[in-house]
Protein backbone atom coordinates (compact mmCIF):
# COMPACT_ATOMS: atom_id res chain seq x y z
CA MET A 1 0.00 0.00 0.00
CA ALA A 2 1.72 3.20 -1.18
CA LYS A 3 1.65 6.22 1.09
CA SER A 4 -0.15 8.28 -1.54
CA GLN A 5 -2.84 5.63 -1.69
CA GLU A 6 -3.19 5.48 2.09
CA LEU A 7 -4.20 9.16 2.38
CA PHE A 8 -7.85 8.58 1.54
CA GLU A 9 -8.75 11.71 3.60
CA LEU A 10 -7.75 13.86 0.61
CA HIS A 11 -10.64 12.43 -1.42
CA PHE A 12 -13.40 13.28 1.09
CA ASP A 13 -14.93 16.45 2.49
CA GLY A 14 -13.12 17.52 5.69
CA ASP A 15 -16.28 17.40 7.83
CA VAL A 16 -17.10 13.87 6.62
CA VAL A 17 -13.56 12.77 7.52
CA TYR A 18 -13.83 14.38 10.97
CA GLN A 19 -17.22 12.74 11.71
CA GLY A 20 -15.94 9.37 10.47
CA GLU A 21 -12.85 9.57 12.66
CA LYS A 22 -15.07 10.32 15.70
CA LEU A 23 -17.19 7.24 14.90
CA TYR A 24 -14.07 5.11 14.54
CA ASP A 25 -12.56 6.41 17.81
CA SER A 26 -15.81 5.63 19.65
CA GLY A 27 -15.56 1.94 18.69
CA ALA A 28 -18.45 2.05 16.21
CA VAL A 29 -16.71 -0.17 13.64
CA HIS A 30 -17.42 -3.84 14.30
CA GLU A 31 -17.08 -6.65 11.76
CA ILE A 32 -14.46 -6.41 8.97
CA ASN A 33 -14.85 -9.21 6.44
CA LYS A 34 -13.16 -9.88 3.08
CA PRO A 35 -15.55 -12.02 0.99
CA GLU A 36 -13.62 -11.50 -2.27
CA LYS A 37 -10.29 -10.25 -3.50
CA ASN A 38 -10.06 -6.45 -3.07
CA LEU A 39 -13.57 -6.33 -1.52
CA TRP A 40 -14.28 -5.69 2.16
CA THR A 41 -17.65 -5.50 3.96
CA ILE A 42 -17.65 -3.58 7.25
CA MET A 43 -20.42 -3.06 9.82
CA VAL A 44 -20.58 0.44 11.38
CA HIS A 45 -22.90 1.11 14.34
CA ASP A 46 -24.44 4.61 14.37
CA GLY A 47 -27.76 4.23 16.20
CA ILE A 48 -28.31 1.15 14.01
CA PHE A 49 -25.86 -1.00 12.02
CA TYR A 50 -24.94 0.14 8.49
CA GLU A 51 -23.13 -2.15 6.07
CA VAL A 52 -20.30 -0.47 4.16
CA GLU A 53 -18.71 -2.04 1.07
CA LEU A 54 -15.18 -1.04 0.02
CA PHE A 55 -13.70 -2.17 -3.29
CA SER A 56 -9.96 -1.51 -3.78
CA PRO A 57 -10.27 1.21 -1.13
CA PHE A 58 -6.68 2.49 -1.39
CA ALA A 59 -6.27 2.26 -5.15
CA GLN A 60 -7.03 4.71 -7.96
CA ARG A 61 -10.11 2.70 -9.00
CA ARG A 62 -11.59 2.70 -5.50
CA LYS A 63 -15.34 2.22 -5.04
CA SER A 64 -17.47 2.41 -1.92
CA SER A 65 -21.13 2.25 -0.84
CA CYS A 66 -23.26 2.50 2.30
CA GLU A 67 -26.88 1.82 3.24
CA CYS A 68 -27.46 5.21 4.89
CA ASP A 69 -29.60 8.07 3.52
CA GLU A 70 -26.65 10.48 3.44
CA TYR A 71 -24.79 8.22 0.98
CA LYS A 72 -27.89 7.94 -1.24
CA GLN A 73 -27.97 11.73 -1.52
CA THR A 74 -24.25 12.66 -1.71
CA LYS A 75 -22.44 9.38 -2.53
CA SER A 76 -20.30 10.01 0.54
CA CYS A 77 -20.81 9.59 4.30
CA LYS A 78 -19.13 9.35 7.71
CA HIS A 79 -19.74 5.56 7.85
CA ILE A 80 -17.48 5.03 4.81
CA THR A 81 -14.67 7.17 6.28
CA ALA A 82 -15.02 5.40 9.65
CA ALA A 83 -14.70 2.05 7.84
CA LEU A 84 -11.64 3.30 5.94
CA PHE A 85 -9.94 4.37 9.19
CA ALA A 86 -10.58 0.92 10.68
CA LEU A 87 -9.49 -0.99 7.57
CA ARG A 88 -6.33 1.08 7.16
CA THR A 89 -5.41 0.42 10.79
CA GLN A 90 -6.04 -3.32 10.38
CA LEU A 91 -4.01 -3.55 7.17
CA ARG A 92 -1.12 -1.65 8.75
CA GLU A 93 -1.17 -3.94 11.77
CA GLU A 94 -1.19 -7.00 9.52
CA ALA A 95 1.74 -5.59 7.53
CA GLU A 96 3.66 -4.84 10.72
CA ARG A 97 3.04 -8.34 12.05
CA LYS A 98 4.18 -9.84 8.76
CA ALA A 99 7.35 -7.74 8.81
CA ASP A 100 7.94 -8.67 12.43
CA ARG A 101 7.58 -12.36 11.64
CA GLN A 102 10.05 -12.01 8.79
CA LYS A 103 12.50 -10.21 11.08
CA HIS A 104 12.29 -12.78 13.85
CA LYS A 105 11.58 -15.96 11.88
CA THR A 106 14.81 -17.52 13.13
CA THR A 107 13.72 -16.88 16.73
CA SER A 108 11.47 -19.43 18.39
CA GLY A 109 10.43 -17.16 21.30
CA LYS A 110 6.84 -15.89 21.41
CA LYS A 111 5.09 -13.27 23.56
CA LEU A 112 2.30 -14.35 25.85
CA ASN A 113 -0.74 -12.50 24.56
CA ILE A 114 -4.35 -13.29 23.63
CA ASN A 115 -3.57 -13.97 19.98
CA THR A 116 -0.78 -16.39 20.90
CA LEU A 117 -3.01 -18.16 23.40
CA LEU A 118 -5.88 -18.53 20.93
CA GLN A 119 -3.52 -19.89 18.29
CA GLU A 120 -1.74 -22.34 20.57
CA LEU A 121 -4.32 -23.53 23.10
CA ASP A 122 -6.28 -26.71 22.64
CA LYS A 123 -9.93 -25.93 21.90
CA GLN A 124 -11.16 -28.28 24.64
CA ASP A 125 -8.85 -26.70 27.23
CA LEU A 126 -10.13 -23.26 26.28
CA MET A 127 -13.76 -24.40 26.59
CA HIS A 128 -13.10 -25.90 30.02
CA PHE A 129 -11.52 -22.64 31.16
CA ILE A 130 -14.46 -20.52 29.90
CA LYS A 131 -16.96 -22.81 31.65
CA ALA A 132 -15.04 -22.71 34.94
CA TYR A 133 -14.56 -18.93 34.79
CA ALA A 134 -18.23 -18.35 33.95
CA ARG A 135 -19.25 -20.45 36.99
CA LYS A 136 -17.07 -18.33 39.28
CA ASP A 137 -17.71 -14.87 37.78
CA LYS A 138 -21.39 -13.93 37.48
CA ASN A 139 -20.73 -10.84 35.36
CA PHE A 140 -18.62 -12.78 32.87
CA ASN A 141 -21.30 -15.47 32.71
CA ILE A 142 -24.03 -12.93 31.94
CA ALA A 143 -21.91 -10.94 29.46
CA LEU A 144 -21.04 -14.16 27.61
CA LYS A 145 -24.68 -15.22 27.36
CA ALA A 146 -25.90 -11.77 26.32
CA HIS A 147 -23.23 -11.28 23.67
CA PHE A 148 -23.82 -14.60 21.93
CA ALA A 149 -27.55 -14.99 22.64
CA ARG A 150 -28.73 -14.41 19.06
CA ARG A 151 -26.17 -16.85 17.65
CA VAL A 152 -27.50 -19.78 19.65
CA ASP A 153 -30.90 -21.30 18.89
CA LEU A 154 -32.71 -23.04 21.75
CA GLU A 155 -35.91 -24.99 21.94
CA ASP A 156 -37.53 -21.93 23.58
CA ASN A 157 -35.84 -18.80 22.23
CA HIS A 158 -38.55 -16.69 23.87
CA ALA A 159 -37.36 -17.74 27.32
CA LYS A 160 -33.69 -17.29 26.41
CA TYR A 161 -33.61 -13.50 26.76
CA LYS A 162 -35.96 -13.47 29.74
CA GLY A 163 -33.65 -15.91 31.54
CA ILE A 164 -30.61 -13.69 31.00
CA LEU A 165 -32.37 -10.63 32.46
CA ASP A 166 -33.98 -12.59 35.30
CA SER A 167 -30.56 -13.82 36.36
CA ILE A 168 -29.50 -10.17 36.90
CA ILE A 169 -32.65 -8.62 38.39
CA LYS A 170 -34.75 -11.03 40.41
CA PRO A 171 -38.32 -10.32 41.62
CA ILE A 172 -38.35 -8.40 44.91
CA THR A 173 -39.88 -10.58 47.62
CA SER A 174 -38.31 -8.79 50.60
CA ASN A 175 -35.96 -5.92 51.42
CA THR A 176 -33.07 -8.35 51.67
CA ASN A 177 -33.13 -9.53 48.06
CA ARG A 178 -33.18 -6.15 46.34
CA ALA A 179 -30.68 -5.73 43.50
CA LYS A 180 -27.38 -4.10 44.38
CA SER A 181 -25.68 -1.28 42.50
CA ALA A 182 -23.42 -3.78 40.69
CA ASP A 183 -26.52 -5.70 39.50
CA LEU A 184 -28.06 -2.52 38.10
CA LYS A 185 -24.84 -1.65 36.27
CA SER A 186 -24.80 -5.15 34.81
CA PHE A 187 -28.45 -4.78 33.78
CA ILE A 188 -27.69 -1.49 31.98
CA ALA A 189 -24.73 -3.05 30.14
CA VAL A 190 -26.75 -6.12 29.07
CA SER A 191 -29.70 -3.91 28.03
CA LYS A 192 -27.41 -1.95 25.72
CA GLU A 193 -26.10 -5.21 24.28
CA LEU A 194 -29.67 -6.44 23.71
CA THR A 195 -30.61 -3.09 22.13
CA ALA A 196 -27.83 -3.57 19.58
CA GLN A 197 -29.00 -7.14 18.91
CA LEU A 198 -32.60 -5.95 18.57
CA GLU A 199 -31.56 -3.31 16.06
CA ASP A 200 -29.54 -5.93 14.19
CA ALA A 201 -32.55 -8.26 14.08
CA LEU A 202 -34.68 -5.41 12.72
CA SER A 203 -32.09 -4.56 10.07
CA VAL A 204 -32.15 -8.13 8.68
CA SER A 205 -35.95 -8.49 9.13
CA ASP A 206 -35.59 -11.22 11.75
CA TYR A 207 -38.82 -10.04 13.39
CA ARG A 208 -39.50 -13.16 15.42
CA ASP A 209 -36.18 -12.89 17.28
CA ALA A 210 -36.70 -9.14 17.61
CA TYR A 211 -40.03 -9.85 19.31
CA TYR A 212 -38.42 -12.28 21.76
CA ILE A 213 -35.80 -9.67 22.72
CA ILE A 214 -38.19 -6.74 23.09
CA ASP A 215 -40.75 -8.74 25.09
CA ALA A 216 -38.18 -9.66 27.73
CA ALA A 217 -36.19 -6.41 27.67
CA ILE A 218 -38.96 -3.81 27.86
CA SER A 219 -40.79 -5.69 30.61
CA LYS A 220 -37.70 -5.98 32.79
CA THR A 221 -36.71 -2.36 32.10
CA GLU A 222 -40.07 -1.05 33.32
CA TYR A 223 -39.80 -3.28 36.41
CA VAL A 224 -36.35 -1.83 37.18
CA ARG A 225 -37.51 1.77 36.63
CA TYR A 226 -40.42 1.31 39.02
CA HIS A 227 -38.46 -0.34 41.85
CA TYR A 228 -35.05 1.34 41.62
CA ASP A 229 -34.14 5.04 41.43
CA ASN A 230 -30.42 4.30 40.94
CA TYR A 231 -29.14 5.24 37.49
CA ALA A 232 -32.52 6.73 36.60
CA ASP A 233 -31.17 8.65 33.58
CA GLU A 234 -29.64 5.53 32.04
CA THR A 235 -32.68 3.30 32.62
CA SER A 236 -35.04 6.03 31.32
CA ALA A 237 -33.01 6.32 28.12
CA ILE A 238 -33.07 2.52 27.69
CA SER A 239 -36.83 2.49 28.32
CA GLN A 240 -37.41 5.22 25.75
CA ARG A 241 -35.41 3.34 23.12
CA PHE A 242 -37.26 0.07 23.76
CA HIS A 243 -40.61 1.90 23.52
CA ASP A 244 -39.67 3.36 20.13
CA LEU A 245 -38.36 0.03 18.83
CA LEU A 246 -41.45 -1.88 19.99
CA VAL A 247 -43.80 0.45 18.08
CA LEU A 248 -41.44 0.40 15.06
CA LEU A 249 -41.40 -3.41 15.11
CA HIS A 250 -45.21 -3.49 15.24
CA GLN A 251 -45.31 -1.20 12.19
CA ARG A 252 -42.94 -3.34 10.15
CA VAL A 253 -44.36 -6.78 10.88
CA HIS A 254 -47.02 -8.05 8.47
CA ALA A 255 -47.41 -11.66 9.66
CA GLU A 256 -50.81 -11.77 11.34
CA GLU A 257 -49.89 -13.88 14.38
CA LEU A 258 -46.72 -11.96 15.27
CA LYS A 259 -48.36 -8.56 14.66
CA SER A 260 -51.17 -9.57 17.00
CA SER A 261 -48.68 -10.67 19.69
CA LEU A 262 -46.85 -7.34 19.43
CA LEU A 263 -50.07 -5.36 19.69
CA GLU A 264 -51.11 -7.31 22.77
CA LEU A 265 -47.73 -6.58 24.36
CA ILE A 266 -48.18 -2.86 23.66
CA ILE A 267 -51.68 -2.92 25.13
CA GLU A 268 -50.94 -5.18 28.10
CA LEU A 269 -47.65 -3.73 29.38
CA PRO A 270 -49.11 -0.37 30.59
CA GLN A 271 -51.71 -2.32 32.59
CA ARG A 272 -49.02 -3.87 34.78
CA SER A 273 -48.65 -2.45 38.28
CA TYR A 274 -45.04 -1.43 37.76
CA TYR A 275 -45.52 0.50 34.50
CA ARG A 276 -44.81 4.22 34.96
CA HIS A 277 -47.28 6.61 33.34
CA ASN A 278 -45.48 9.86 34.14
CA ASP A 279 -43.99 10.49 30.66
CA LEU A 280 -46.68 11.17 28.03
CA GLU A 281 -44.48 11.26 24.92
CA ASN A 282 -42.84 7.92 25.77
CA HIS A 283 -46.02 6.15 26.85
CA LEU A 284 -46.81 3.13 24.68
CA TYR A 285 -50.40 4.24 24.11
CA TYR A 286 -49.29 7.72 23.06
CA LEU A 287 -46.86 6.22 20.54
CA LEU A 288 -49.53 3.81 19.29
CA ILE A 289 -52.21 6.49 18.86
CA GLY A 290 -49.96 8.36 16.46
CA LYS A 291 -49.83 5.32 14.17
CA GLN A 292 -53.25 3.69 14.71
CA HIS A 293 -55.73 6.51 15.39
CA LYS A 294 -57.95 5.43 12.49
CA ASP A 295 -58.63 2.07 14.17
CA LYS A 296 -61.75 3.11 16.15
CA GLU A 297 -62.17 -0.27 17.84
CA LEU A 298 -58.59 -0.16 19.15
CA MET A 299 -59.01 3.46 20.29
CA LEU A 300 -62.13 2.54 22.27
CA ARG A 301 -60.28 -0.36 23.90
CA LEU A 302 -57.38 1.87 24.93
CA LYS A 303 -59.73 4.50 26.31
CA GLU A 304 -61.54 1.91 28.42
CA ILE A 305 -58.22 0.60 29.77
CA CYS A 306 -56.98 4.10 30.69
CA LEU A 307 -60.20 5.01 32.47
CA GLY A 308 -60.05 1.70 34.33
CA THR A 309 -56.42 2.32 35.29
CA LEU A 310 -57.37 5.73 36.73
CA LEU A 311 -59.87 4.05 39.04
CA LYS A 312 -57.75 1.09 40.18
CA LYS A 313 -55.81 2.70 43.02
CA GLN A 314 -54.40 5.95 44.34
CA ARG A 315 -51.95 7.31 41.80
CA GLU A 316 -49.51 10.19 41.70
CA ASP A 317 -50.71 13.34 39.96
CA ASN A 318 -48.12 12.96 37.18
CA ASP A 319 -49.50 9.52 36.27
CA ILE A 320 -53.08 10.79 36.36
CA ILE A 321 -52.23 13.76 34.14
CA THR A 322 -50.62 11.49 31.54
CA LEU A 323 -53.52 9.02 31.55
CA LEU A 324 -56.05 11.86 31.25
CA SER A 325 -54.07 13.34 28.36
CA ILE A 326 -54.17 9.98 26.56
CA VAL A 327 -57.92 9.58 27.20
CA LEU A 328 -58.59 13.07 25.78
CA MET A 329 -56.40 12.33 22.73
CA LEU A 330 -58.39 9.15 22.15
CA ASP A 331 -61.66 10.98 22.69
CA PHE A 332 -60.57 13.62 20.19
CA HIS A 333 -60.01 10.98 17.50
CA LEU A 334 -63.28 9.22 18.40
CA THR A 335 -65.74 12.08 18.99
CA LYS A 336 -63.84 15.39 18.65
CA LEU A 337 -64.28 15.79 22.43
CA LYS A 338 -68.05 15.93 22.18
CA ASP A 339 -68.58 15.79 25.95
CA ILE A 340 -65.88 16.68 28.52
CA THR A 341 -68.23 17.11 31.48
CA TRP A 342 -66.71 14.07 33.21
CA PHE A 343 -63.24 15.60 32.87
CA VAL A 344 -64.00 19.09 34.21
CA THR A 345 -66.20 17.66 36.97
CA ASP A 346 -63.98 14.87 38.30
CA TYR A 347 -60.55 16.33 37.51
CA SER A 348 -60.99 20.10 37.67
CA LYS A 349 -57.92 20.57 39.89
CA LEU A 350 -55.67 18.85 37.34
CA SER A 351 -57.35 20.19 34.20
CA MET A 352 -54.83 22.98 33.55
CA SER A 353 -51.93 20.58 34.08
CA VAL A 354 -53.46 18.26 31.47
CA VAL A 355 -53.68 21.18 29.05
CA ASP A 356 -50.01 21.94 29.71
CA ARG A 357 -49.03 18.30 29.13
CA LEU A 358 -50.85 18.22 25.78
CA VAL A 359 -49.30 21.53 24.70
CA GLN A 360 -45.80 20.31 25.65
CA ALA A 361 -46.38 17.17 23.58
CA ASN A 362 -47.30 19.32 20.54
CA GLN A 363 -50.86 18.01 20.55
CA ALA A 364 -52.06 21.37 19.21
CA GLU A 365 -55.39 20.28 17.73
CA VAL A 366 -56.38 18.36 20.85
CA SER A 367 -55.31 21.12 23.26
CA VAL A 368 -57.10 23.89 21.32
CA LYS A 369 -60.30 21.89 21.04
CA LEU A 370 -60.11 20.98 24.73
CA MET A 371 -59.55 24.56 25.88
CA LYS A 372 -62.41 25.85 23.73
CA LYS A 373 -64.72 23.29 25.30
CA MET A 374 -63.41 24.13 28.77
CA GLN A 375 -64.28 27.81 28.32
CA SER A 376 -67.97 27.06 28.72
CA HIS A 377 -67.22 25.31 32.01
CA PHE A 378 -64.68 27.87 33.29
CA PRO A 379 -65.79 31.17 31.69
CA LYS A 380 -63.93 33.27 34.28
CA SER A 381 -60.60 31.44 34.06
CA ARG A 382 -57.88 33.91 33.08
CA GLU A 383 -55.29 31.11 33.07
CA LEU A 384 -57.28 29.16 30.49
CA LYS A 385 -57.56 32.15 28.16
CA ARG A 386 -53.84 32.87 28.55
CA LYS A 387 -52.89 29.30 27.61
CA LEU A 388 -55.23 29.37 24.63
CA LEU A 389 -53.68 32.65 23.46
CA GLN A 390 -50.22 31.12 23.70
CA VAL A 391 -51.27 28.09 21.62
CA TYR A 392 -52.91 30.33 19.01
CA LEU A 393 -49.66 32.26 18.83
CA THR A 394 -47.60 29.06 18.46
CA LEU A 395 -49.88 27.88 15.65
CA ASP A 396 -49.98 31.33 14.00
CA GLN A 397 -53.78 31.33 14.28
CA LEU A 398 -53.84 35.12 14.42
CA ASP A 399 -57.56 35.56 13.64
CA GLU A 400 -58.46 33.42 16.64
CA LEU A 401 -55.88 35.24 18.74
CA THR A 402 -57.37 38.62 17.73
CA LYS A 403 -60.84 37.52 18.86
CA LEU A 404 -59.69 36.19 22.22
CA LEU A 405 -57.09 38.81 23.15
CA PRO A 406 -59.48 41.67 24.13
CA LYS A 407 -61.59 39.28 26.21
CA TYR A 408 -58.49 38.11 28.06
CA VAL A 409 -57.30 41.67 28.79
CA ILE A 410 -60.75 42.78 29.96
CA GLN A 411 -61.01 39.82 32.30
CA SER A 412 -57.44 39.95 33.63
CA ASP A 413 -56.43 43.62 33.24
CA ASP A 414 -53.12 42.18 32.00
CA THR A 415 -51.71 44.54 29.35
CA LYS A 416 -48.21 43.01 29.48
CA LEU A 417 -49.18 40.03 27.36
CA LEU A 418 -51.20 42.35 25.10
CA PHE A 419 -48.17 44.42 24.10
CA LYS A 420 -45.94 41.34 23.82
CA LEU A 421 -48.26 40.12 21.07
CA LYS A 422 -48.40 43.46 19.24
CA ASP A 423 -45.66 42.55 16.74
CA LYS A 424 -47.41 39.28 15.88
CA LEU A 425 -50.54 40.98 14.52
CA SER A 426 -51.10 42.99 11.39
CA SER A 427 -51.75 46.72 11.82
CA ASP A 428 -55.47 46.20 11.03
CA GLN A 429 -55.77 43.36 13.55
CA TRP A 430 -53.98 45.38 16.19
CA THR A 431 -56.20 48.43 15.56
CA ASP A 432 -59.32 46.30 16.01
CA VAL A 433 -58.01 44.93 19.33
CA ILE A 434 -57.00 48.34 20.73
CA LEU A 435 -60.23 50.07 19.71
CA GLU A 436 -62.32 47.36 21.33
CA LEU A 437 -60.33 47.69 24.58
CA ILE A 438 -60.38 51.49 24.63
CA THR A 439 -64.14 51.50 24.03
CA TYR A 440 -64.63 49.11 26.93
CA TYR A 441 -62.34 50.87 29.43
CA LYS A 442 -63.76 54.31 28.63
CA GLU A 443 -67.03 53.12 30.16
CA ASP A 444 -65.42 51.95 33.39
CA PRO A 445 -64.20 54.87 35.58
CA THR A 446 -62.55 52.43 38.02
CA LYS A 447 -60.09 51.24 35.33
CA LYS A 448 -58.49 54.55 34.31
CA SER A 449 -55.01 53.14 34.88
CA ILE A 450 -55.62 50.46 32.20
CA LEU A 451 -56.98 53.06 29.78
CA ALA A 452 -53.97 55.29 30.47
CA SER A 453 -51.56 52.42 29.65
CA LEU A 454 -53.37 51.80 26.34
CA TYR A 455 -53.15 55.49 25.37
CA PHE A 456 -49.51 55.65 26.42
CA GLN A 457 -48.44 52.52 24.52
CA GLU A 458 -50.23 53.76 21.42
CA GLU A 459 -48.62 57.21 21.88
CA ASP A 460 -52.05 58.82 21.89
CA TYR A 461 -50.87 61.58 24.24
CA ASP A 462 -53.79 63.93 23.54
CA SER A 463 -56.24 61.29 24.84
CA LEU A 464 -53.93 60.55 27.78
CA ILE A 465 -53.87 64.24 28.80
CA ALA A 466 -57.65 64.44 28.44
CA LEU A 467 -57.99 61.40 30.71
CA MET A 468 -55.74 63.02 33.32
CA HIS A 469 -57.84 66.19 33.22
CA SER A 470 -60.89 64.08 34.09
CA GLY A 471 -59.37 63.26 37.46
CA VAL A 472 -56.85 60.50 38.24
CA GLU A 473 -54.53 59.34 41.03
CA ILE A 474 -51.21 61.20 41.36
CA ASP A 475 -49.20 58.00 40.77
CA LEU A 476 -50.79 57.63 37.35
CA VAL A 477 -49.69 61.17 36.40
CA MET A 478 -46.13 60.48 37.57
CA ASN A 479 -46.06 57.22 35.56
CA TYR A 480 -46.45 58.99 32.23
CA ASP A 481 -45.42 62.65 32.60
CA HIS A 482 -41.84 61.95 31.40
CA LYS A 483 -43.22 61.83 27.85
CA LEU A 484 -45.56 64.79 28.33
CA TYR A 485 -43.99 67.60 30.36
CA ARG A 486 -42.25 69.33 27.47
CA THR A 487 -45.11 69.30 24.95
CA TYR A 488 -48.00 69.51 27.43
CA HIS A 489 -46.43 71.78 30.04
CA LYS A 490 -49.54 73.91 30.65
CA ASP A 491 -51.83 70.86 30.88
CA LEU A 492 -49.54 69.05 33.29
CA THR A 493 -49.26 72.15 35.51
CA GLU A 494 -53.05 72.29 35.76
CA ILE A 495 -53.31 68.51 36.36
CA TYR A 496 -50.71 68.55 39.17
CA GLN A 497 -52.37 71.59 40.76
CA LYS A 498 -55.74 69.87 40.71
CA VAL A 499 -54.49 66.47 41.93
CA LEU A 500 -52.40 67.92 44.77
CA SER A 501 -55.19 70.30 45.81
CA GLU A 502 -57.59 67.38 46.13
CA ILE A 503 -55.10 65.50 48.32
CA ILE A 504 -54.33 68.52 50.54
CA ASP A 505 -58.02 69.35 50.92
CA SER A 506 -58.93 65.78 51.75
CA TYR A 507 -56.16 64.91 54.20
CA LEU A 508 -54.81 66.88 57.13
CA GLY A 509 -52.24 64.34 58.25
CA ASP A 510 -49.05 62.86 56.88
CA LYS A 511 -50.58 61.64 53.64
CA ALA A 512 -50.82 65.17 52.22
CA GLN A 513 -47.24 65.99 53.23
CA ILE A 514 -45.88 62.71 51.76
CA SER A 515 -47.77 63.18 48.48
CA VAL A 516 -46.54 66.76 47.97
CA LYS A 517 -42.92 65.88 48.78
CA LYS A 518 -43.10 62.84 46.50
CA ALA A 519 -44.42 64.93 43.58
CA ILE A 520 -41.79 67.67 43.97
CA TYR A 521 -38.96 65.10 44.29
CA HIS A 522 -40.28 63.39 41.16
CA MET A 523 -40.15 66.68 39.22
CA ASP A 524 -36.58 67.22 40.41
CA GLN A 525 -35.58 63.76 39.13
CA LEU A 526 -37.37 64.48 35.86
CA GLY A 527 -35.55 67.79 35.41
CA ALA A 528 -38.88 69.55 34.90
CA LYS A 529 -37.79 72.83 36.49
CA LYS A 530 -40.50 75.02 34.98
CA LEU A 531 -43.23 72.55 35.98
CA ARG A 532 -41.83 72.36 39.54
CA ARG A 533 -41.63 76.16 39.82
CA ASN A 534 -45.21 76.69 38.65
CA VAL A 535 -46.66 73.97 40.90
CA LEU A 536 -44.76 75.31 43.94
CA ALA A 537 -45.90 78.86 43.25
CA TYR A 538 -49.49 77.65 43.11
CA LEU A 539 -49.19 75.74 46.40
CA GLU A 540 -47.53 78.68 48.19
CA LYS A 541 -50.33 80.97 47.04
CA GLU A 542 -53.26 78.63 47.78
CA TYR A 543 -51.99 77.05 51.00
CA LYS A 544 -50.08 79.83 52.80
CA HIS A 545 -51.24 78.60 56.19
CA ARG A 546 -50.03 75.02 55.56
CA ILE A 547 -47.00 75.49 53.34
CA GLN A 548 -44.43 75.05 56.13
CA TYR A 549 -46.09 71.82 57.23
CA LEU A 550 -46.29 70.51 53.68
CA PHE A 551 -42.53 70.93 53.18
């Protein structure tokens, strides 16, 4: 192999080479086979196994292929470069060993290493050693079984995988026989091994063996997650992967008997006492609904099971929220949520949490329909209107948002959300919203502060000054005068004179003194010298007898 031919990196995009090298360094390259002269087939694991073919990889007439989508689009991918790194390393090592043998062929001495042992040991002796070591070392025993499980056919292959997992995690019958930390680590390692074997079975359409693996693995994983909090992140990730693969397997299988068995596993597993219902998006029923929602009979069956599960025993709120979310999703597909009386009556305290769970899971249609129906049951709920506004905004349903926004503001007096949404609406939509609100608040003298904020945000300063002339609290004047005192100096002087006069005339105690001092200090901070001078002159003239007290 010439050096120029070894530098395959020059013939690939730099990013593809970098990604391939990372895959190779992570140990993703597994089997390297040479079925024909100048042809190598190499298995690369990247989520699933991809088969790479390399023909004369380090020659001018090199050819390569991969099963992945990236290769189909660009005729190049990280799996090919990862395979090339691995093959180049192997060929170099073989060349070095050959050279070493040539150099030392007159020497009879050999190093004691694994390759030497495997070449020299008697097969029977090696088998006896493996058996004896497996009897003494539980972890080696389990790892050996798990690694070679798919390569050995038994009379009952279904029980094969279950037996491996049961030997690690036994049923809890008392506090003394709970699994130890080492057992849980072993379970995680074996689960990852079985995940790889399951993916391999799927890749070669060996669906029967895939079913045997997933049946044992997902059941034991859920049992572990329920009973043990140790390594929760790892076991949750394993659970999520098994959930996805189970539903994927059910989609791919066409054989009637096996498809039926898979469906029953999907339906039956969440009914077990140890199944955790706290994660909506990784719940088996949630995953199934997305693929099977047109099967009305199945949807009715799932709904009945979920409602029954809710009634079985006391459950944590998180589980209840997930189950309710699934029931409402099913009901949406069955009846478009025709009647939710049972939900708002029996689960009113959790209803908003259910809405949140559906929104988080991107169930937009279901959540919007549910919230619209809930409005008739909770007409005064500001929280419900706010959530519905947020979903409308997420979905860009601006017409619906425009209709609901004024109602929300009127009910909540919350103008913060109103002005956050301003940029989302067209100028015509925004004008309609503001005019509706101004018309409403003009008729309510107790809500002048809301009306003032609308005028101020819209920069309608003439209307804001007119509102202040009609009589308002002094704090409201001080909130907005920073934009007004230069242009509306005369008006503001009159407004301050009137507001302070009303306070001084109404209160003889400290309140009058505090209000006057606060107003004058505010004008100082504002730098409104002329306004301050005119207001002070008015107070000194009108309240000669109290001016010392006021200051």
